[in-house]
Structures are given as structure tokens and as C-alpha cells.
Amino acid sequence: METTLEQQIATLQQQLHMQEKMASLGMLSAGIAHEIQNPLNFVINFSKMSAKLLDDLTELVEDCADKLDEDDAADLEDIAADLKENMQKIQEHGERAISIIRGILLQSRGKAGEFLPTDVGQLVHEYVWLSYHALRANDKSFNITIQEDIQEGMPKVMVIPQDLSRAVLNVVNNACYTVKERAEKEGSTYVPTIAIKVALRQEGGEAELQIDIKDNGMGMTPDIQEKIFENFFTTKPAGKGTGLGMSITNNIITNNHKGRLLMNSEPNVGTTFSFIIPVKIAK
């Protein structure tokens, strides 16, 4: 019993140490995000201006088309089309980077337990891919098929973005781990897949948000399912997990958001976690 208690204390200390590191990292990332936002705005604005200048140049070339050799005119037309496409890509990816930065700043500015108007579809999308790229950073050879079904035109809703993003990250991290584990066992015949669904249901003045995270990984036996939300319970090898992720996730959904956390799992088939949260539409 003493050994188990000592192990739990050591694990909790490790978790607290990690939380301190994450808090420092959060402050650092918020500062970096703020500093990067300004030059990114310049990139986007100048790409828009350059696209407009390119349109003006194209008009001038068309006006002088009769003075140009056919081959030269065709070359100029091809070059202008390529430049226009490049400008669109610069603008598109610049705006994508800006959206990520705004998400980071939203998380960092929110106080603990503070409900904020949130684009949940965007939040889920960003943190699913954050988890995937974190896994890829450690293993470049590993790939996952990610299927997203995010309801279009969803209004912003009042949630605690700091907490909800953490819950999504916890579950997706576990999903990535379990599909990677199955891929290592089954080889190339297996296609590791994570499916994400985000939907908002409205009836009268009430709204309910549902986030489904489904994987085709190892799945869980009934005895593991019974313990999955217990503190310090983990199926991962020593050093790979603290056993607190799903307990924290359960607390975030059921206590902080007054929602429900549902689970459906079958060995060698996969697991689905569903967050069902009553929400208010942001004004």
C-alpha cells in the first residue's frame, strides 16, 4: 500500500511539474504569437496589394497585346497566372497562420474557468492537428488519416476554451497513441484513422454541443473501461503517461461544463469519446 501511495505522490509531483512547464510555455507561446501577428499582417496586406498591382499590370499587357510577339504575350500571360496563384497561396496560408495565432491568444487571455465566445469547430480542428503534428515530430514515418465532419455555419458558443481545448487534446493524444500502437502490430494492411465530428443542436432557446472523437485503434476491454476515468490509471508504459489525462477530461466536461462524457469501445475495433455540452449561443 505504501509503495502504491509513494508512486501516486511521485506521479502527482511529476504532473505538477509538467503543469508548471506548460504554464510557462503558454506564456511564452502567447508572447511569440503576439509578436508574429504584426509581420504576418504585413505579409497578408502586401500580398493583397501585390495581387491588385498584378491585375493592373495584366490590364496594361492586354492593352499592348497587339505590339507583342505571340510567344512573348503567351509567356507573359502564363507568368501572370502563376504569380496570381502564388499571391493567393501566400494570402491563404497567411490568414491560416493568423487564425492559429488568434486561437492561441484566446486561450492565453482567458482566466481560469472563464466562459468566452468560441468558434468550437475551429478550436477542435486546431487541436486535433496540433496533436497529430506533435506525434509526427517524434516519428516522421507515421501517418494518420484524419476525417473531419465539422458543422458549417455554427455560431460561437460560450465555453471555457482553455479547458475544452485541453480535453480535446487529451482524447486525441490517446487516439493517436492507440492507432500508432495498432499500426506497429498490424503493419501496412492497417489504416490508422481518427474521425472528428462537431455539431450543434438547437431546440427552442436551448442548444447542445456534441464533439465526437473516434479512432480505430486497439480499443478497450470492459475492465479497462471501468477504470479509465480513475486518477493515476494508465495503460501506457512507465514514463509515457501520468494516468490523469482522462480524469481531468471527465472533470472538464462533467463539472466545468455541466455536460456528459460518453464512451464506446471494443477491443481491436476502436473507441469513441463524445462530449455532450449544454451551451449558450454567444451574443
C-alpha atoms as a PDB file:
ATOM      1  CA  MET A   1       0.000   0.000   0.000  1.00  0.00           C
ATOM      2  CA  GLU A   2       2.869   2.356   0.907  1.00  0.00           C
ATOM      3  CA  THR A   3       4.570   1.683  -2.396  1.00  0.00           C
ATOM      4  CA  THR A   4       1.370   2.465  -4.282  1.00  0.00           C
ATOM      5  CA  LEU A   5       0.925   5.714  -2.317  1.00  0.00           C
ATOM      6  CA  GLU A   6       4.537   6.695  -2.941  1.00  0.00           C
ATOM      7  CA  GLN A   7       4.077   6.012  -6.653  1.00  0.00           C
ATOM      8  CA  GLN A   8       0.930   8.145  -6.720  1.00  0.00           C
ATOM      9  CA  ILE A   9       2.708  11.017  -4.931  1.00  0.00           C
ATOM     10  CA  ALA A  10       5.639  10.795  -7.344  1.00  0.00           C
ATOM     11  CA  THR A  11       3.253  10.773 -10.315  1.00  0.00           C
ATOM     12  CA  LEU A  12       1.352  13.771  -8.937  1.00  0.00           C
ATOM     13  CA  GLN A  13       4.606  15.667  -8.406  1.00  0.00           C
ATOM     14  CA  GLN A  14       5.571  14.876 -11.988  1.00  0.00           C
ATOM     15  CA  GLN A  15       2.185  16.134 -13.185  1.00  0.00           C
ATOM     16  CA  LEU A  16       2.501  19.368 -11.160  1.00  0.00           C
ATOM     17  CA  HIS A  17       5.980  19.916 -12.549  1.00  0.00           C
ATOM     18  CA  MET A  18       4.610  19.397 -16.054  1.00  0.00           C
ATOM     19  CA  GLN A  19       1.783  21.862 -15.338  1.00  0.00           C
ATOM     20  CA  GLU A  20       4.318  24.497 -14.304  1.00  0.00           C
ATOM     21  CA  LYS A  21       6.273  23.911 -17.501  1.00  0.00           C
ATOM     22  CA  MET A  22       3.067  24.114 -19.549  1.00  0.00           C
ATOM     23  CA  ALA A  23       2.068  27.377 -17.831  1.00  0.00           C
ATOM     24  CA  SER A  24       5.468  28.884 -18.654  1.00  0.00           C
ATOM     25  CA  LEU A  25       5.244  27.554 -22.192  1.00  0.00           C
ATOM     26  CA  GLY A  26       1.751  29.033 -22.502  1.00  0.00           C
ATOM     27  CA  MET A  27       3.006  32.486 -21.522  1.00  0.00           C
ATOM     28  CA  LEU A  28       5.945  32.176 -23.904  1.00  0.00           C
ATOM     29  CA  SER A  29       3.754  30.989 -26.811  1.00  0.00           C
ATOM     30  CA  ALA A  30       1.303  33.861 -26.201  1.00  0.00           C
ATOM     31  CA  GLY A  31       4.188  36.350 -26.360  1.00  0.00           C
ATOM     32  CA  ILE A  32       5.572  34.779 -29.537  1.00  0.00           C
ATOM     33  CA  ALA A  33       2.097  34.687 -31.104  1.00  0.00           C
ATOM     34  CA  HIS A  34       1.584  38.382 -30.369  1.00  0.00           C
ATOM     35  CA  GLU A  35       4.943  39.313 -31.906  1.00  0.00           C
ATOM     36  CA  ILE A  36       4.399  37.167 -35.021  1.00  0.00           C
ATOM     37  CA  GLN A  37       0.923  38.591 -35.652  1.00  0.00           C
ATOM     38  CA  ASN A  38       2.191  42.010 -36.813  1.00  0.00           C
ATOM     39  CA  PRO A  39       4.642  40.797 -39.500  1.00  0.00           C
ATOM     40  CA  LEU A  40       2.043  38.283 -40.663  1.00  0.00           C
ATOM     41  CA  ASN A  41      -0.446  41.109 -41.138  1.00  0.00           C
ATOM     42  CA  PHE A  42       2.147  42.874 -43.289  1.00  0.00           C
ATOM     43  CA  VAL A  43       2.631  39.714 -45.374  1.00  0.00           C
ATOM     44  CA  ILE A  44      -1.125  39.372 -45.955  1.00  0.00           C
ATOM     45  CA  ASN A  45      -1.659  43.080 -46.714  1.00  0.00           C
ATOM     46  CA  PHE A  46       1.279  43.302 -49.118  1.00  0.00           C
ATOM     47  CA  SER A  47       0.175  40.120 -50.886  1.00  0.00           C
ATOM     48  CA  LYS A  48      -3.248  41.733 -51.420  1.00  0.00           C
ATOM     49  CA  MET A  49      -1.627  44.928 -52.705  1.00  0.00           C
ATOM     50  CA  SER A  50       0.672  42.939 -54.995  1.00  0.00           C
ATOM     51  CA  ALA A  51      -2.298  40.985 -56.360  1.00  0.00           C
ATOM     52  CA  LYS A  52      -4.022  44.298 -57.177  1.00  0.00           C
ATOM     53  CA  LEU A  53      -0.872  45.626 -58.871  1.00  0.00           C
ATOM     54  CA  LEU A  54      -0.621  42.373 -60.832  1.00  0.00           C
ATOM     55  CA  ASP A  55      -4.215  42.869 -62.066  1.00  0.00           C
ATOM     56  CA  ASP A  56      -3.273  46.390 -63.189  1.00  0.00           C
ATOM     57  CA  LEU A  57      -0.161  45.062 -64.944  1.00  0.00           C
ATOM     58  CA  THR A  58      -2.210  42.360 -66.678  1.00  0.00           C
ATOM     59  CA  GLU A  59      -4.598  45.009 -67.999  1.00  0.00           C
ATOM     60  CA  LEU A  60      -1.683  47.034 -69.350  1.00  0.00           C
ATOM     61  CA  VAL A  61      -0.246  43.965 -71.069  1.00  0.00           C
ATOM     62  CA  GLU A  62      -3.642  43.215 -72.624  1.00  0.00           C
ATOM     63  CA  ASP A  63      -3.839  46.804 -73.909  1.00  0.00           C
ATOM     64  CA  CYS A  64      -0.440  46.357 -75.559  1.00  0.00           C
ATOM     65  CA  ALA A  65      -1.115  42.834 -76.832  1.00  0.00           C
ATOM     66  CA  ASP A  66      -1.043  43.929 -80.466  1.00  0.00           C
ATOM     67  CA  LYS A  67       2.527  45.220 -80.004  1.00  0.00           C
ATOM     68  CA  LEU A  68       3.849  41.957 -78.569  1.00  0.00           C
ATOM     69  CA  ASP A  69       5.060  38.842 -80.249  1.00  0.00           C
ATOM     70  CA  GLU A  70       2.601  35.944 -79.837  1.00  0.00           C
ATOM     71  CA  ASP A  71       5.094  33.823 -77.905  1.00  0.00           C
ATOM     72  CA  ASP A  72       6.031  36.741 -75.634  1.00  0.00           C
ATOM     73  CA  ALA A  73       2.369  37.500 -74.959  1.00  0.00           C
ATOM     74  CA  ALA A  74       1.701  33.854 -74.081  1.00  0.00           C
ATOM     75  CA  ASP A  75       4.724  33.788 -71.758  1.00  0.00           C
ATOM     76  CA  LEU A  76       3.580  36.961 -70.002  1.00  0.00           C
ATOM     77  CA  GLU A  77       0.110  35.518 -69.589  1.00  0.00           C
ATOM     78  CA  ASP A  78       1.494  32.305 -68.052  1.00  0.00           C
ATOM     79  CA  ILE A  79       3.791  34.219 -65.715  1.00  0.00           C
ATOM     80  CA  ALA A  80       0.931  36.492 -64.592  1.00  0.00           C
ATOM     81  CA  ALA A  81      -1.300  33.471 -63.920  1.00  0.00           C
ATOM     82  CA  ASP A  82       1.452  31.789 -61.853  1.00  0.00           C
ATOM     83  CA  LEU A  83       2.104  34.982 -59.879  1.00  0.00           C
ATOM     84  CA  LYS A  84      -1.599  35.406 -59.184  1.00  0.00           C
ATOM     85  CA  GLU A  85      -1.847  31.816 -57.918  1.00  0.00           C
ATOM     86  CA  ASN A  86       1.223  32.324 -55.713  1.00  0.00           C
ATOM     87  CA  MET A  87      -0.268  35.503 -54.237  1.00  0.00           C
ATOM     88  CA  GLN A  88      -3.471  33.667 -53.413  1.00  0.00           C
ATOM     89  CA  LYS A  89      -1.491  30.917 -51.658  1.00  0.00           C
ATOM     90  CA  ILE A  90       0.505  33.461 -49.641  1.00  0.00           C
ATOM     91  CA  GLN A  91      -2.705  35.178 -48.563  1.00  0.00           C
ATOM     92  CA  GLU A  92      -4.492  31.886 -47.796  1.00  0.00           C
ATOM     93  CA  HIS A  93      -1.678  30.449 -45.661  1.00  0.00           C
ATOM     94  CA  GLY A  94      -1.020  33.795 -44.000  1.00  0.00           C
ATOM     95  CA  GLU A  95      -4.653  34.043 -42.924  1.00  0.00           C
ATOM     96  CA  ARG A  96      -4.497  30.431 -41.717  1.00  0.00           C
ATOM     97  CA  ALA A  97      -1.482  31.314 -39.554  1.00  0.00           C
ATOM     98  CA  ILE A  98      -3.318  34.378 -38.215  1.00  0.00           C
ATOM     99  CA  SER A  99      -6.306  32.214 -37.219  1.00  0.00           C
ATOM    100  CA  ILE A 100      -3.992  29.854 -35.301  1.00  0.00           C
ATOM    101  CA  ILE A 101      -2.365  32.796 -33.511  1.00  0.00           C
ATOM    102  CA  ARG A 102      -5.744  34.270 -32.579  1.00  0.00           C
ATOM    103  CA  GLY A 103      -6.684  30.884 -31.110  1.00  0.00           C
ATOM    104  CA  ILE A 104      -3.507  30.806 -29.015  1.00  0.00           C
ATOM    105  CA  LEU A 105      -4.107  34.349 -27.776  1.00  0.00           C
ATOM    106  CA  LEU A 106      -7.728  33.488 -26.930  1.00  0.00           C
ATOM    107  CA  GLN A 107      -6.567  30.565 -24.779  1.00  0.00           C
ATOM    108  CA  SER A 108      -3.886  32.616 -23.034  1.00  0.00           C
ATOM    109  CA  ARG A 109      -6.098  35.614 -22.260  1.00  0.00           C
ATOM    110  CA  GLY A 110      -8.923  33.634 -20.761  1.00  0.00           C
ATOM    111  CA  LYS A 111      -8.982  33.405 -16.971  1.00  0.00           C
ATOM    112  CA  ALA A 112      -9.345  30.040 -15.270  1.00  0.00           C
ATOM    113  CA  GLY A 113     -12.957  28.903 -15.548  1.00  0.00           C
ATOM    114  CA  GLU A 114     -13.973  31.868 -17.742  1.00  0.00           C
ATOM    115  CA  PHE A 115     -16.638  31.211 -20.382  1.00  0.00           C
ATOM    116  CA  LEU A 116     -15.824  33.015 -23.641  1.00  0.00           C
ATOM    117  CA  PRO A 117     -17.494  33.201 -27.093  1.00  0.00           C
ATOM    118  CA  THR A 118     -15.706  30.455 -29.004  1.00  0.00           C
ATOM    119  CA  ASP A 119     -15.679  29.055 -32.525  1.00  0.00           C
ATOM    120  CA  VAL A 120     -15.682  25.456 -31.308  1.00  0.00           C
ATOM    121  CA  GLY A 121     -15.312  23.967 -34.788  1.00  0.00           C
ATOM    122  CA  GLN A 122     -12.117  25.938 -35.319  1.00  0.00           C
ATOM    123  CA  LEU A 123     -10.862  25.124 -31.816  1.00  0.00           C
ATOM    124  CA  VAL A 124     -11.368  21.379 -32.304  1.00  0.00           C
ATOM    125  CA  HIS A 125      -9.778  21.482 -35.767  1.00  0.00           C
ATOM    126  CA  GLU A 126      -6.669  23.286 -34.483  1.00  0.00           C
ATOM    127  CA  TYR A 127      -6.100  20.991 -31.511  1.00  0.00           C
ATOM    128  CA  VAL A 128      -6.681  17.783 -33.466  1.00  0.00           C
ATOM    129  CA  TRP A 129      -3.949  18.785 -35.896  1.00  0.00           C
ATOM    130  CA  LEU A 130      -1.731  20.076 -33.076  1.00  0.00           C
ATOM    131  CA  SER A 131      -1.840  16.607 -31.523  1.00  0.00           C
ATOM    132  CA  TYR A 132      -1.130  14.943 -34.866  1.00  0.00           C
ATOM    133  CA  HIS A 133       1.859  17.179 -35.637  1.00  0.00           C
ATOM    134  CA  ALA A 134       3.242  16.634 -32.122  1.00  0.00           C
ATOM    135  CA  LEU A 135       3.190  12.885 -32.803  1.00  0.00           C
ATOM    136  CA  ARG A 136       4.752  13.401 -36.232  1.00  0.00           C
ATOM    137  CA  ALA A 137       7.537  15.476 -34.657  1.00  0.00           C
ATOM    138  CA  ASN A 138       8.638  12.373 -32.753  1.00  0.00           C
ATOM    139  CA  ASP A 139       8.068   9.885 -35.573  1.00  0.00           C
ATOM    140  CA  LYS A 140       8.244  11.261 -39.122  1.00  0.00           C
ATOM    141  CA  SER A 141       7.414   7.864 -40.625  1.00  0.00           C
ATOM    142  CA  PHE A 142       3.973   7.684 -39.006  1.00  0.00           C
ATOM    143  CA  ASN A 143       0.811   8.960 -40.713  1.00  0.00           C
ATOM    144  CA  ILE A 144      -2.828   9.095 -39.648  1.00  0.00           C
ATOM    145  CA  THR A 145      -5.941   9.565 -41.750  1.00  0.00           C
ATOM    146  CA  ILE A 146      -7.936  12.354 -40.108  1.00  0.00           C
ATOM    147  CA  GLN A 147     -11.589  12.671 -41.118  1.00  0.00           C
ATOM    148  CA  GLU A 148     -13.347  15.875 -40.092  1.00  0.00           C
ATOM    149  CA  ASP A 149     -17.094  16.495 -40.120  1.00  0.00           C
ATOM    150  CA  ILE A 150     -17.495  19.953 -38.631  1.00  0.00           C
ATOM    151  CA  GLN A 151     -20.916  21.543 -38.991  1.00  0.00           C
ATOM    152  CA  GLU A 152     -20.760  24.605 -41.210  1.00  0.00           C
ATOM    153  CA  GLY A 153     -22.070  27.970 -40.092  1.00  0.00           C
ATOM    154  CA  MET A 154     -22.034  27.126 -36.379  1.00  0.00           C
ATOM    155  CA  PRO A 155     -22.388  30.242 -34.235  1.00  0.00           C
ATOM    156  CA  LYS A 156     -19.904  30.960 -31.493  1.00  0.00           C
ATOM    157  CA  VAL A 157     -20.936  29.442 -28.173  1.00  0.00           C
ATOM    158  CA  MET A 158     -19.990  30.112 -24.562  1.00  0.00           C
ATOM    159  CA  VAL A 159     -17.430  27.572 -23.338  1.00  0.00           C
ATOM    160  CA  ILE A 160     -14.205  27.625 -21.337  1.00  0.00           C
ATOM    161  CA  PRO A 161     -11.768  27.468 -24.276  1.00  0.00           C
ATOM    162  CA  GLN A 162      -8.720  26.803 -22.081  1.00  0.00           C
ATOM    163  CA  ASP A 163     -10.405  23.719 -20.646  1.00  0.00           C
ATOM    164  CA  LEU A 164     -12.195  22.444 -23.750  1.00  0.00           C
ATOM    165  CA  SER A 165      -9.017  22.597 -25.839  1.00  0.00           C
ATOM    166  CA  ARG A 166      -7.226  20.594 -23.161  1.00  0.00           C
ATOM    167  CA  ALA A 167      -9.983  17.960 -23.128  1.00  0.00           C
ATOM    168  CA  VAL A 168      -9.827  17.629 -26.931  1.00  0.00           C
ATOM    169  CA  LEU A 169      -6.040  17.395 -26.823  1.00  0.00           C
ATOM    170  CA  ASN A 170      -6.106  14.700 -24.127  1.00  0.00           C
ATOM    171  CA  VAL A 171      -8.511  12.468 -26.053  1.00  0.00           C
ATOM    172  CA  VAL A 172      -6.841  12.982 -29.442  1.00  0.00           C
ATOM    173  CA  ASN A 173      -3.409  12.306 -27.920  1.00  0.00           C
ATOM    174  CA  ASN A 174      -4.743   8.988 -26.631  1.00  0.00           C
ATOM    175  CA  ALA A 175      -6.346   8.255 -30.010  1.00  0.00           C
ATOM    176  CA  CYS A 176      -3.038   8.942 -31.778  1.00  0.00           C
ATOM    177  CA  TYR A 177      -1.221   6.686 -29.326  1.00  0.00           C
ATOM    178  CA  THR A 178      -3.632   3.759 -29.736  1.00  0.00           C
ATOM    179  CA  VAL A 179      -3.757   3.854 -33.558  1.00  0.00           C
ATOM    180  CA  LYS A 180       0.036   4.081 -33.619  1.00  0.00           C
ATOM    181  CA  GLU A 181       0.221   1.050 -31.311  1.00  0.00           C
ATOM    182  CA  ARG A 182      -2.102  -0.940 -33.571  1.00  0.00           C
ATOM    183  CA  ALA A 183      -0.211   0.125 -36.695  1.00  0.00           C
ATOM    184  CA  GLU A 184       3.026  -1.199 -35.217  1.00  0.00           C
ATOM    185  CA  LYS A 185       1.333  -4.561 -34.595  1.00  0.00           C
ATOM    186  CA  GLU A 186      -0.577  -4.957 -37.859  1.00  0.00           C
ATOM    187  CA  GLY A 187       1.700  -3.279 -40.381  1.00  0.00           C
ATOM    188  CA  SER A 188       0.800  -1.779 -43.753  1.00  0.00           C
ATOM    189  CA  THR A 189      -2.568  -3.537 -44.104  1.00  0.00           C
ATOM    190  CA  TYR A 190      -3.976  -1.330 -41.329  1.00  0.00           C
ATOM    191  CA  VAL A 191      -5.003   2.300 -41.971  1.00  0.00           C
ATOM    192  CA  PRO A 192      -4.847   4.304 -38.711  1.00  0.00           C
ATOM    193  CA  THR A 193      -7.841   6.649 -38.704  1.00  0.00           C
ATOM    194  CA  ILE A 194      -9.262   9.284 -36.382  1.00  0.00           C
ATOM    195  CA  ALA A 195     -12.706  10.711 -37.192  1.00  0.00           C
ATOM    196  CA  ILE A 196     -13.873  14.012 -35.706  1.00  0.00           C
ATOM    197  CA  LYS A 197     -17.440  15.273 -35.679  1.00  0.00           C
ATOM    198  CA  VAL A 198     -18.656  18.589 -34.260  1.00  0.00           C
ATOM    199  CA  ALA A 199     -22.333  19.540 -34.300  1.00  0.00           C
ATOM    200  CA  LEU A 200     -24.664  21.970 -32.563  1.00  0.00           C
ATOM    201  CA  ARG A 201     -28.306  21.107 -31.941  1.00  0.00           C
ATOM    202  CA  GLN A 202     -30.810  23.837 -31.111  1.00  0.00           C
ATOM    203  CA  GLU A 203     -34.331  23.326 -29.787  1.00  0.00           C
ATOM    204  CA  GLY A 204     -36.145  26.441 -28.758  1.00  0.00           C
ATOM    205  CA  GLY A 205     -33.873  28.587 -26.631  1.00  0.00           C
ATOM    206  CA  GLU A 206     -31.579  25.708 -25.659  1.00  0.00           C
ATOM    207  CA  ALA A 207     -28.514  24.459 -27.508  1.00  0.00           C
ATOM    208  CA  GLU A 208     -26.382  21.353 -27.121  1.00  0.00           C
ATOM    209  CA  LEU A 209     -22.886  20.912 -28.471  1.00  0.00           C
ATOM    210  CA  GLN A 210     -21.585  17.451 -29.355  1.00  0.00           C
ATOM    211  CA  ILE A 211     -17.967  16.594 -30.136  1.00  0.00           C
ATOM    212  CA  ASP A 212     -17.211  13.002 -31.196  1.00  0.00           C
ATOM    213  CA  ILE A 213     -13.625  11.722 -31.362  1.00  0.00           C
ATOM    214  CA  LYS A 214     -13.463   8.230 -32.869  1.00  0.00           C
ATOM    215  CA  ASP A 215     -10.423   6.056 -33.526  1.00  0.00           C
ATOM    216  CA  ASN A 216      -9.899   2.588 -34.986  1.00  0.00           C
ATOM    217  CA  GLY A 217      -7.117   1.730 -32.544  1.00  0.00           C
ATOM    218  CA  MET A 218      -6.674  -1.037 -30.021  1.00  0.00           C
ATOM    219  CA  GLY A 219      -9.972  -0.463 -28.213  1.00  0.00           C
ATOM    220  CA  MET A 220     -10.507  -1.255 -24.534  1.00  0.00           C
ATOM    221  CA  THR A 221     -11.670  -4.300 -22.619  1.00  0.00           C
ATOM    222  CA  PRO A 222     -14.601  -3.860 -20.179  1.00  0.00           C
ATOM    223  CA  ASP A 223     -12.305  -3.895 -17.127  1.00  0.00           C
ATOM    224  CA  ILE A 224     -10.163  -1.075 -18.566  1.00  0.00           C
ATOM    225  CA  GLN A 225     -13.281   0.921 -19.461  1.00  0.00           C
ATOM    226  CA  GLU A 226     -14.394   0.760 -15.816  1.00  0.00           C
ATOM    227  CA  LYS A 227     -11.124   2.335 -14.646  1.00  0.00           C
ATOM    228  CA  ILE A 228     -10.408   4.764 -17.472  1.00  0.00           C
ATOM    229  CA  PHE A 229     -11.561   7.879 -15.565  1.00  0.00           C
ATOM    230  CA  GLU A 230      -9.768   6.979 -12.314  1.00  0.00           C
ATOM    231  CA  ASN A 231      -6.833   9.098 -11.175  1.00  0.00           C
ATOM    232  CA  PHE A 232      -3.420   7.566 -11.926  1.00  0.00           C
ATOM    233  CA  PHE A 233      -4.851   4.768 -14.082  1.00  0.00           C
ATOM    234  CA  THR A 234      -3.000   4.328 -17.367  1.00  0.00           C
ATOM    235  CA  THR A 235      -2.455   1.539 -19.889  1.00  0.00           C
ATOM    236  CA  LYS A 236       0.693   3.196 -21.221  1.00  0.00           C
ATOM    237  CA  PRO A 237       4.202   2.044 -20.290  1.00  0.00           C
ATOM    238  CA  ALA A 238       6.053   3.805 -17.467  1.00  0.00           C
ATOM    239  CA  GLY A 239       7.092   7.301 -18.491  1.00  0.00           C
ATOM    240  CA  LYS A 240       4.520   7.514 -21.295  1.00  0.00           C
ATOM    241  CA  GLY A 241       1.541   8.705 -19.263  1.00  0.00           C
ATOM    242  CA  THR A 242       0.590  10.002 -15.817  1.00  0.00           C
ATOM    243  CA  GLY A 243      -2.870   8.436 -15.637  1.00  0.00           C
ATOM    244  CA  LEU A 244      -4.516  11.817 -15.067  1.00  0.00           C
ATOM    245  CA  GLY A 245      -5.493  12.867 -18.610  1.00  0.00           C
ATOM    246  CA  MET A 246      -8.903  11.198 -18.784  1.00  0.00           C
ATOM    247  CA  SER A 247      -9.735  12.063 -15.173  1.00  0.00           C
ATOM    248  CA  ILE A 248      -9.043  15.729 -15.966  1.00  0.00           C
ATOM    249  CA  THR A 249     -11.032  15.469 -19.201  1.00  0.00           C
ATOM    250  CA  ASN A 250     -14.001  13.985 -17.346  1.00  0.00           C
ATOM    251  CA  ASN A 251     -13.868  16.840 -14.823  1.00  0.00           C
ATOM    252  CA  ILE A 252     -13.690  19.457 -17.593  1.00  0.00           C
ATOM    253  CA  ILE A 253     -16.774  18.106 -19.378  1.00  0.00           C
ATOM    254  CA  THR A 254     -18.987  16.966 -16.492  1.00  0.00           C
ATOM    255  CA  ASN A 255     -18.138  19.540 -13.812  1.00  0.00           C
ATOM    256  CA  ASN A 256     -16.769  22.647 -15.524  1.00  0.00           C
ATOM    257  CA  HIS A 257     -19.222  22.497 -18.455  1.00  0.00           C
ATOM    258  CA  LYS A 258     -22.066  20.558 -16.770  1.00  0.00           C
ATOM    259  CA  GLY A 259     -22.098  18.136 -19.685  1.00  0.00           C
ATOM    260  CA  ARG A 260     -21.734  14.405 -20.283  1.00  0.00           C
ATOM    261  CA  LEU A 261     -18.735  12.375 -21.368  1.00  0.00           C
ATOM    262  CA  LEU A 262     -19.764   9.189 -23.149  1.00  0.00           C
ATOM    263  CA  MET A 263     -17.500   6.333 -24.208  1.00  0.00           C
ATOM    264  CA  ASN A 264     -17.988   3.381 -26.516  1.00  0.00           C
ATOM    265  CA  SER A 265     -15.101   0.964 -27.034  1.00  0.00           C
ATOM    266  CA  GLU A 266     -14.485  -2.510 -28.407  1.00  0.00           C
ATOM    267  CA  PRO A 267     -11.147  -4.370 -28.435  1.00  0.00           C
ATOM    268  CA  ASN A 268      -9.472  -4.407 -31.883  1.00  0.00           C
ATOM    269  CA  VAL A 269     -12.242  -2.200 -33.288  1.00  0.00           C
ATOM    270  CA  GLY A 270     -11.669   1.188 -31.681  1.00  0.00           C
ATOM    271  CA  THR A 271     -13.007   3.785 -29.278  1.00  0.00           C
ATOM    272  CA  THR A 272     -15.345   6.762 -29.476  1.00  0.00           C
ATOM    273  CA  PHE A 273     -15.493   9.536 -26.887  1.00  0.00           C
ATOM    274  CA  SER A 274     -18.384  12.004 -27.059  1.00  0.00           C
ATOM    275  CA  PHE A 275     -18.531  15.367 -25.301  1.00  0.00           C
ATOM    276  CA  ILE A 276     -22.149  16.500 -24.954  1.00  0.00           C
ATOM    277  CA  ILE A 277     -22.329  20.011 -23.517  1.00  0.00           C
ATOM    278  CA  PRO A 278     -25.283  22.347 -22.926  1.00  0.00           C
ATOM    279  CA  VAL A 279     -24.211  25.741 -24.288  1.00  0.00           C
ATOM    280  CA  LYS A 280     -25.436  29.293 -24.693  1.00  0.00           C
ATOM    281  CA  ILE A 281     -25.159  30.960 -28.099  1.00  0.00           C
ATOM    282  CA  ALA A 282     -22.764  33.904 -27.873  1.00  0.00           C
ATOM    283  CA  LYS A 283     -24.401  37.280 -28.489  1.00  0.00           C
END
